[in-house]
Amino acid sequence: MTLRAEPLTAEAFAPFGDVIAPDPARAFAINDGWTDRHHALAQADLEGGPAILSIFRGRARPLAADLLERHPHGSQAFFPLGGHAWLTVVAGSPDGPLRAFLCRGDQGVQIGRGVWHHPLLTLRAQDFLVVDRADPAGNLEEARLDPPQPILVD
């Protein structure tokens, strides 16, 4: 079975978390008009630990879903810094069904607390700003997918 990547929209991704993308209609000027602030695009949902900002340096990998993980004590947000398209794969459970979303280079996601998702899938090397809960000990569950599910990007 092949997993087809669908365009990332707020409505389609809502069961799994939030889409993080600038919305000019909601932006407002700051810094004497030299900066547009796209305020509060998502809110971290954390239990028992502080929010941290990290840079994940992703490398292109085979387009197949082979592992799912979830973080029961906190949401996890990913935003690309290189401006390149990338994928996010999510599921209600490790038994599926899986959904793959093709994210534009100016879109990020905040994966909800406890939502099953594939580790970072980038189509080419790029960095990501990540917001999640510090000290992931006890905040990570994994499930291998056998066989891996190929992902088709149109």
N, C-alpha and C. Protein backbone atom coordinates (compact mmCIF):
# COMPACT_ATOMS: atom_id res chain seq x y z
N MET A 1 0.84 -1.18 0.00
CA MET A 1 0.00 0.00 0.00
C MET A 1 0.88 1.24 0.00
N THR A 2 0.57 2.19 -0.84
CA THR A 2 1.33 3.44 -0.93
C THR A 2 0.52 4.56 -0.31
N LEU A 3 1.21 5.39 0.44
CA LEU A 3 0.61 6.53 1.12
C LEU A 3 0.81 7.75 0.23
N ARG A 4 -0.27 8.42 -0.17
CA ARG A 4 -0.19 9.60 -1.05
C ARG A 4 -0.22 10.86 -0.18
N ALA A 5 0.76 11.73 -0.38
CA ALA A 5 0.82 12.99 0.36
C ALA A 5 -0.23 13.95 -0.16
N GLU A 6 -1.00 14.53 0.75
CA GLU A 6 -2.02 15.50 0.40
C GLU A 6 -1.56 16.89 0.83
N PRO A 7 -2.08 17.95 0.21
CA PRO A 7 -1.67 19.30 0.61
C PRO A 7 -2.04 19.55 2.07
N LEU A 8 -1.17 20.25 2.77
CA LEU A 8 -1.42 20.60 4.16
C LEU A 8 -2.38 21.78 4.23
N THR A 9 -3.53 21.56 4.87
CA THR A 9 -4.48 22.64 5.15
C THR A 9 -4.86 22.56 6.62
N ALA A 10 -5.26 23.69 7.17
CA ALA A 10 -5.67 23.72 8.58
C ALA A 10 -6.83 22.77 8.84
N GLU A 11 -7.78 22.70 7.91
CA GLU A 11 -8.96 21.86 8.10
C GLU A 11 -8.58 20.36 8.08
N ALA A 12 -7.76 19.96 7.12
CA ALA A 12 -7.40 18.55 7.01
C ALA A 12 -6.52 18.09 8.17
N PHE A 13 -5.67 18.98 8.69
CA PHE A 13 -4.73 18.62 9.75
C PHE A 13 -5.32 18.78 11.16
N ALA A 14 -6.48 19.41 11.28
CA ALA A 14 -7.07 19.73 12.59
C ALA A 14 -7.16 18.56 13.56
N PRO A 15 -7.48 17.32 13.13
CA PRO A 15 -7.54 16.23 14.11
C PRO A 15 -6.19 15.89 14.75
N PHE A 16 -5.09 16.38 14.16
CA PHE A 16 -3.76 16.01 14.61
C PHE A 16 -2.99 17.15 15.27
N GLY A 17 -3.46 18.39 15.08
CA GLY A 17 -2.76 19.54 15.65
C GLY A 17 -3.06 20.80 14.85
N ASP A 18 -2.09 21.70 14.81
CA ASP A 18 -2.26 23.01 14.18
C ASP A 18 -1.29 23.21 13.02
N VAL A 19 -1.72 23.90 11.98
CA VAL A 19 -0.83 24.34 10.92
C VAL A 19 -0.24 25.68 11.36
N ILE A 20 1.06 25.83 11.18
CA ILE A 20 1.75 27.07 11.55
C ILE A 20 2.18 27.74 10.25
N ALA A 21 1.56 28.85 9.92
CA ALA A 21 1.88 29.57 8.69
C ALA A 21 1.47 31.03 8.86
N PRO A 22 2.23 31.94 8.27
CA PRO A 22 1.85 33.35 8.36
C PRO A 22 0.48 33.59 7.74
N ASP A 23 -0.30 34.45 8.35
CA ASP A 23 -1.61 34.83 7.82
C ASP A 23 -1.65 36.35 7.75
N PRO A 24 -1.42 36.90 6.56
CA PRO A 24 -1.37 38.37 6.44
C PRO A 24 -2.61 39.07 6.99
N ALA A 25 -3.75 38.42 6.95
CA ALA A 25 -4.98 39.05 7.44
C ALA A 25 -4.94 39.24 8.97
N ARG A 26 -4.14 38.43 9.67
CA ARG A 26 -4.08 38.53 11.13
C ARG A 26 -2.81 39.22 11.62
N ALA A 27 -1.90 39.56 10.72
CA ALA A 27 -0.63 40.19 11.10
C ALA A 27 -0.84 41.64 11.50
N PHE A 28 0.10 42.14 12.32
CA PHE A 28 0.07 43.55 12.65
C PHE A 28 1.50 44.07 12.70
N ALA A 29 1.63 45.35 12.44
CA ALA A 29 2.94 45.99 12.36
C ALA A 29 3.49 46.27 13.76
N ILE A 30 4.81 46.07 13.90
CA ILE A 30 5.53 46.43 15.12
C ILE A 30 6.85 47.07 14.70
N ASN A 31 7.66 47.49 15.64
CA ASN A 31 8.98 48.07 15.36
C ASN A 31 8.88 49.25 14.39
N ASP A 32 8.02 50.19 14.72
CA ASP A 32 7.81 51.38 13.88
C ASP A 32 7.43 51.02 12.45
N GLY A 33 6.71 49.91 12.27
CA GLY A 33 6.23 49.51 10.96
C GLY A 33 7.21 48.72 10.12
N TRP A 34 8.38 48.39 10.64
CA TRP A 34 9.40 47.67 9.88
C TRP A 34 9.26 46.16 9.98
N THR A 35 8.39 45.69 10.83
CA THR A 35 8.22 44.24 11.03
C THR A 35 6.73 43.92 11.10
N ASP A 36 6.33 42.84 10.44
CA ASP A 36 4.97 42.31 10.59
C ASP A 36 5.02 41.16 11.58
N ARG A 37 4.19 41.24 12.59
CA ARG A 37 4.15 40.18 13.60
C ARG A 37 2.99 39.24 13.29
N HIS A 38 3.30 37.98 13.10
CA HIS A 38 2.31 36.92 12.94
C HIS A 38 2.25 36.24 14.30
N HIS A 39 1.37 36.73 15.13
CA HIS A 39 1.35 36.45 16.56
C HIS A 39 0.60 35.17 16.90
N ALA A 40 1.16 34.40 17.85
CA ALA A 40 0.49 33.25 18.46
C ALA A 40 -0.09 32.30 17.41
N LEU A 41 0.74 31.82 16.52
CA LEU A 41 0.28 30.90 15.46
C LEU A 41 -0.09 29.53 16.01
N ALA A 42 0.45 29.18 17.14
CA ALA A 42 0.11 27.93 17.83
C ALA A 42 0.50 28.09 19.29
N GLN A 43 -0.07 27.27 20.14
CA GLN A 43 0.25 27.32 21.56
C GLN A 43 0.73 25.95 22.01
N ALA A 44 1.92 25.89 22.60
CA ALA A 44 2.47 24.61 23.08
C ALA A 44 1.56 24.05 24.17
N ASP A 45 1.34 22.75 24.13
CA ASP A 45 0.53 22.04 25.12
C ASP A 45 1.46 21.09 25.85
N LEU A 46 1.93 21.49 27.03
CA LEU A 46 2.96 20.73 27.74
C LEU A 46 2.50 20.35 29.13
N GLU A 47 2.96 19.21 29.58
CA GLU A 47 2.65 18.71 30.93
C GLU A 47 3.96 18.39 31.64
N GLY A 48 4.23 19.03 32.76
CA GLY A 48 5.34 18.65 33.61
C GLY A 48 6.73 18.96 33.11
N GLY A 49 6.90 19.93 32.27
CA GLY A 49 8.24 20.29 31.81
C GLY A 49 8.19 21.60 31.05
N PRO A 50 9.32 22.32 31.00
CA PRO A 50 9.33 23.59 30.30
C PRO A 50 9.38 23.41 28.78
N ALA A 51 8.90 24.42 28.07
CA ALA A 51 9.01 24.44 26.61
C ALA A 51 10.44 24.80 26.24
N ILE A 52 10.97 24.14 25.22
CA ILE A 52 12.30 24.46 24.73
C ILE A 52 12.24 24.69 23.22
N LEU A 53 13.17 25.49 22.71
CA LEU A 53 13.35 25.71 21.28
C LEU A 53 14.62 24.99 20.86
N SER A 54 14.54 24.22 19.78
CA SER A 54 15.69 23.49 19.26
C SER A 54 15.75 23.67 17.75
N ILE A 55 16.91 23.42 17.18
CA ILE A 55 17.07 23.32 15.74
C ILE A 55 17.31 21.85 15.42
N PHE A 56 16.47 21.28 14.55
CA PHE A 56 16.69 19.92 14.04
C PHE A 56 17.27 20.08 12.64
N ARG A 57 18.39 19.46 12.35
CA ARG A 57 19.00 19.51 11.02
C ARG A 57 18.61 18.23 10.30
N GLY A 58 17.58 18.32 9.45
CA GLY A 58 17.05 17.15 8.76
C GLY A 58 17.80 16.87 7.46
N ARG A 59 17.94 15.58 7.15
CA ARG A 59 18.52 15.14 5.90
C ARG A 59 17.48 14.34 5.14
N ALA A 60 17.53 14.42 3.80
CA ALA A 60 16.60 13.65 2.97
C ALA A 60 16.78 12.17 3.28
N ARG A 61 15.68 11.45 3.26
CA ARG A 61 15.71 10.01 3.56
C ARG A 61 14.72 9.33 2.62
N PRO A 62 14.75 8.00 2.54
CA PRO A 62 13.78 7.31 1.68
C PRO A 62 12.34 7.68 2.07
N LEU A 63 11.49 7.83 1.07
CA LEU A 63 10.11 8.22 1.32
C LEU A 63 9.27 6.99 1.61
N ALA A 64 9.39 6.52 2.83
CA ALA A 64 8.61 5.39 3.31
C ALA A 64 8.39 5.57 4.81
N ALA A 65 7.16 5.37 5.25
CA ALA A 65 6.83 5.45 6.67
C ALA A 65 7.20 4.13 7.32
N ASP A 66 8.19 4.17 8.21
CA ASP A 66 8.66 2.94 8.85
C ASP A 66 8.62 2.99 10.37
N LEU A 67 8.33 4.16 10.93
CA LEU A 67 8.33 4.32 12.38
C LEU A 67 7.34 5.41 12.76
N LEU A 68 6.57 5.16 13.79
CA LEU A 68 5.71 6.19 14.37
C LEU A 68 6.14 6.42 15.80
N GLU A 69 5.96 7.65 16.25
CA GLU A 69 6.24 7.98 17.64
C GLU A 69 5.16 8.93 18.13
N ARG A 70 5.06 9.02 19.45
CA ARG A 70 4.18 10.02 20.05
C ARG A 70 4.77 10.47 21.36
N HIS A 71 4.33 11.66 21.78
CA HIS A 71 4.82 12.27 23.01
C HIS A 71 3.60 12.55 23.89
N PRO A 72 3.33 11.68 24.88
CA PRO A 72 2.11 11.81 25.67
C PRO A 72 2.07 13.03 26.59
N HIS A 73 3.22 13.67 26.85
CA HIS A 73 3.24 14.78 27.80
C HIS A 73 3.49 16.13 27.16
N GLY A 74 3.40 16.22 25.83
CA GLY A 74 3.60 17.53 25.22
C GLY A 74 3.43 17.53 23.71
N SER A 75 2.95 18.65 23.20
CA SER A 75 2.89 18.84 21.76
C SER A 75 4.31 19.05 21.22
N GLN A 76 4.43 19.00 19.90
CA GLN A 76 5.74 19.20 19.27
C GLN A 76 5.51 19.98 17.98
N ALA A 77 6.15 21.14 17.87
CA ALA A 77 5.98 22.00 16.69
C ALA A 77 7.24 21.96 15.83
N PHE A 78 7.04 21.91 14.51
CA PHE A 78 8.13 21.91 13.53
C PHE A 78 7.89 23.05 12.55
N PHE A 79 8.92 23.87 12.30
CA PHE A 79 8.81 24.92 11.29
C PHE A 79 10.10 24.94 10.48
N PRO A 80 9.99 24.78 9.14
CA PRO A 80 11.20 24.73 8.31
C PRO A 80 11.88 26.10 8.23
N LEU A 81 13.20 26.08 8.29
CA LEU A 81 13.96 27.32 8.20
C LEU A 81 14.60 27.50 6.83
N GLY A 82 14.58 26.46 6.00
CA GLY A 82 15.21 26.53 4.69
C GLY A 82 14.27 26.91 3.58
N GLY A 83 12.96 26.97 3.85
CA GLY A 83 11.99 27.36 2.85
C GLY A 83 11.65 26.28 1.84
N HIS A 84 12.01 25.02 2.13
CA HIS A 84 11.77 23.92 1.19
C HIS A 84 10.58 23.07 1.66
N ALA A 85 9.87 22.50 0.70
CA ALA A 85 8.76 21.61 1.01
C ALA A 85 9.25 20.42 1.83
N TRP A 86 8.34 19.86 2.62
CA TRP A 86 8.67 18.71 3.46
C TRP A 86 7.39 17.95 3.75
N LEU A 87 7.50 16.82 4.44
CA LEU A 87 6.33 15.98 4.71
C LEU A 87 6.10 15.82 6.20
N THR A 88 4.85 15.68 6.58
CA THR A 88 4.51 15.22 7.92
C THR A 88 3.51 14.08 7.76
N VAL A 89 3.74 13.00 8.52
CA VAL A 89 2.89 11.81 8.46
C VAL A 89 2.32 11.61 9.87
N VAL A 90 1.00 11.45 9.96
CA VAL A 90 0.32 11.33 11.24
C VAL A 90 -0.69 10.19 11.18
N ALA A 91 -1.11 9.73 12.35
CA ALA A 91 -2.09 8.65 12.42
C ALA A 91 -2.80 8.70 13.77
N GLY A 92 -4.00 8.16 13.80
CA GLY A 92 -4.73 8.05 15.05
C GLY A 92 -4.16 6.98 15.96
N SER A 93 -3.52 5.97 15.36
CA SER A 93 -2.90 4.88 16.11
C SER A 93 -1.82 4.26 15.23
N PRO A 94 -0.92 3.46 15.80
CA PRO A 94 0.11 2.82 14.98
C PRO A 94 -0.47 1.86 13.94
N ASP A 95 -1.71 1.42 14.16
CA ASP A 95 -2.35 0.52 13.20
C ASP A 95 -3.00 1.28 12.05
N GLY A 96 -2.91 2.59 12.05
CA GLY A 96 -3.38 3.42 10.94
C GLY A 96 -4.83 3.81 11.08
N PRO A 97 -5.37 4.38 10.01
CA PRO A 97 -4.67 4.66 8.76
C PRO A 97 -3.74 5.85 8.91
N LEU A 98 -2.68 5.86 8.11
CA LEU A 98 -1.74 6.96 8.08
C LEU A 98 -2.24 8.04 7.13
N ARG A 99 -1.86 9.28 7.43
CA ARG A 99 -2.10 10.39 6.50
C ARG A 99 -0.79 11.13 6.33
N ALA A 100 -0.44 11.40 5.08
CA ALA A 100 0.76 12.16 4.76
C ALA A 100 0.36 13.52 4.24
N PHE A 101 1.02 14.56 4.71
CA PHE A 101 0.74 15.92 4.27
C PHE A 101 2.00 16.52 3.67
N LEU A 102 1.86 17.09 2.48
CA LEU A 102 2.95 17.81 1.82
C LEU A 102 2.88 19.25 2.29
N CYS A 103 3.89 19.67 3.05
CA CYS A 103 3.93 21.00 3.63
C CYS A 103 4.78 21.91 2.75
N ARG A 104 4.29 23.11 2.49
CA ARG A 104 5.09 24.09 1.77
C ARG A 104 6.26 24.52 2.66
N GLY A 105 7.21 25.18 2.05
CA GLY A 105 8.37 25.65 2.79
C GLY A 105 8.09 26.79 3.75
N ASP A 106 6.88 27.35 3.70
CA ASP A 106 6.50 28.40 4.65
C ASP A 106 5.41 27.93 5.60
N GLN A 107 5.22 26.61 5.70
CA GLN A 107 4.24 26.04 6.63
C GLN A 107 4.94 25.13 7.63
N GLY A 108 4.49 25.22 8.86
CA GLY A 108 4.93 24.30 9.89
C GLY A 108 3.72 23.63 10.49
N VAL A 109 3.96 22.71 11.41
CA VAL A 109 2.87 22.04 12.11
C VAL A 109 3.18 21.98 13.60
N GLN A 110 2.14 21.99 14.38
CA GLN A 110 2.25 21.63 15.78
C GLN A 110 1.45 20.35 15.95
N ILE A 111 2.15 19.27 16.22
CA ILE A 111 1.53 17.96 16.39
C ILE A 111 1.01 17.89 17.83
N GLY A 112 -0.25 17.58 17.97
CA GLY A 112 -0.89 17.58 19.28
C GLY A 112 -0.29 16.55 20.24
N ARG A 113 -0.46 16.82 21.50
CA ARG A 113 0.01 15.92 22.55
C ARG A 113 -0.59 14.53 22.32
N GLY A 114 0.27 13.51 22.30
CA GLY A 114 -0.17 12.13 22.18
C GLY A 114 -0.51 11.68 20.77
N VAL A 115 -0.34 12.52 19.76
CA VAL A 115 -0.65 12.14 18.38
C VAL A 115 0.51 11.35 17.78
N TRP A 116 0.20 10.22 17.18
CA TRP A 116 1.21 9.39 16.51
C TRP A 116 1.67 10.10 15.25
N HIS A 117 3.00 10.15 15.05
CA HIS A 117 3.56 10.82 13.87
C HIS A 117 4.91 10.18 13.51
N HIS A 118 5.27 10.33 12.26
CA HIS A 118 6.57 9.84 11.80
C HIS A 118 7.64 10.85 12.21
N PRO A 119 8.85 10.40 12.51
CA PRO A 119 9.94 11.35 12.73
C PRO A 119 10.12 12.24 11.49
N LEU A 120 10.85 13.31 11.65
CA LEU A 120 11.04 14.32 10.62
C LEU A 120 11.33 13.71 9.24
N LEU A 121 10.53 14.14 8.24
CA LEU A 121 10.69 13.70 6.85
C LEU A 121 10.87 14.93 5.98
N THR A 122 12.09 15.21 5.59
CA THR A 122 12.36 16.35 4.74
C THR A 122 12.78 15.87 3.36
N LEU A 123 12.35 16.56 2.33
CA LEU A 123 12.63 16.16 0.95
C LEU A 123 14.05 16.53 0.54
N ARG A 124 14.64 17.48 1.25
CA ARG A 124 16.04 17.85 1.05
C ARG A 124 16.56 18.39 2.36
N ALA A 125 17.85 18.43 2.51
CA ALA A 125 18.44 18.87 3.77
C ALA A 125 17.98 20.29 4.11
N GLN A 126 17.53 20.46 5.33
CA GLN A 126 17.19 21.79 5.83
C GLN A 126 17.01 21.73 7.34
N ASP A 127 17.12 22.89 7.96
CA ASP A 127 16.94 23.00 9.39
C ASP A 127 15.47 23.30 9.71
N PHE A 128 15.08 22.89 10.92
CA PHE A 128 13.73 23.14 11.43
C PHE A 128 13.85 23.72 12.83
N LEU A 129 13.02 24.72 13.10
CA LEU A 129 12.85 25.20 14.46
C LEU A 129 11.82 24.29 15.11
N VAL A 130 12.15 23.74 16.27
CA VAL A 130 11.27 22.80 16.96
C VAL A 130 10.99 23.32 18.36
N VAL A 131 9.72 23.31 18.73
CA VAL A 131 9.30 23.67 20.08
C VAL A 131 8.67 22.43 20.68
N ASP A 132 9.23 21.97 21.80
CA ASP A 132 8.65 20.82 22.48
C ASP A 132 9.02 20.85 23.95
N ARG A 133 8.72 19.79 24.65
CA ARG A 133 8.90 19.69 26.09
C ARG A 133 10.33 19.24 26.39
N ALA A 134 10.97 19.88 27.35
CA ALA A 134 12.31 19.48 27.78
C ALA A 134 12.24 18.11 28.46
N ASP A 135 13.36 17.42 28.44
CA ASP A 135 13.49 16.12 29.11
C ASP A 135 12.49 15.11 28.58
N PRO A 136 12.76 14.57 27.37
CA PRO A 136 11.81 13.63 26.77
C PRO A 136 11.78 12.25 27.45
N ALA A 137 12.60 12.03 28.47
CA ALA A 137 12.57 10.74 29.17
C ALA A 137 11.15 10.49 29.67
N GLY A 138 10.58 9.37 29.29
CA GLY A 138 9.22 9.05 29.68
C GLY A 138 8.18 9.77 28.84
N ASN A 139 8.62 10.49 27.80
CA ASN A 139 7.69 11.23 26.96
C ASN A 139 7.81 10.78 25.51
N LEU A 140 8.26 9.56 25.28
CA LEU A 140 8.41 9.06 23.93
C LEU A 140 7.96 7.61 23.87
N GLU A 141 7.01 7.34 22.97
CA GLU A 141 6.60 5.97 22.66
C GLU A 141 6.83 5.77 21.18
N GLU A 142 7.31 4.59 20.78
CA GLU A 142 7.59 4.30 19.38
C GLU A 142 6.91 3.01 18.95
N ALA A 143 6.59 2.96 17.65
CA ALA A 143 6.01 1.75 17.05
C ALA A 143 6.59 1.61 15.64
N ARG A 144 7.25 0.49 15.36
CA ARG A 144 7.79 0.20 14.03
C ARG A 144 6.66 -0.23 13.10
N LEU A 145 6.73 0.17 11.84
CA LEU A 145 5.76 -0.23 10.84
C LEU A 145 6.39 -1.30 9.96
N ASP A 146 5.78 -2.46 9.89
CA ASP A 146 6.32 -3.57 9.11
C ASP A 146 5.21 -4.19 8.28
N PRO A 147 5.26 -4.05 6.97
CA PRO A 147 6.37 -3.46 6.21
C PRO A 147 6.24 -1.94 6.18
N PRO A 148 7.35 -1.24 5.86
CA PRO A 148 7.28 0.21 5.69
C PRO A 148 6.27 0.56 4.59
N GLN A 149 5.62 1.69 4.72
CA GLN A 149 4.62 2.13 3.75
C GLN A 149 5.23 3.22 2.86
N PRO A 150 5.40 2.95 1.56
CA PRO A 150 5.95 3.97 0.66
C PRO A 150 5.05 5.21 0.62
N ILE A 151 5.68 6.37 0.43
CA ILE A 151 4.94 7.64 0.36
C ILE A 151 5.11 8.22 -1.04
N LEU A 152 4.01 8.56 -1.66
CA LEU A 152 4.00 9.14 -3.00
C LEU A 152 3.76 10.64 -2.90
N VAL A 153 4.64 11.42 -3.50
CA VAL A 153 4.50 12.87 -3.55
C VAL A 153 4.27 13.25 -5.00
N ASP A 154 3.10 13.85 -5.28
CA ASP A 154 2.78 14.27 -6.66
C ASP A 154 3.49 15.55 -7.01
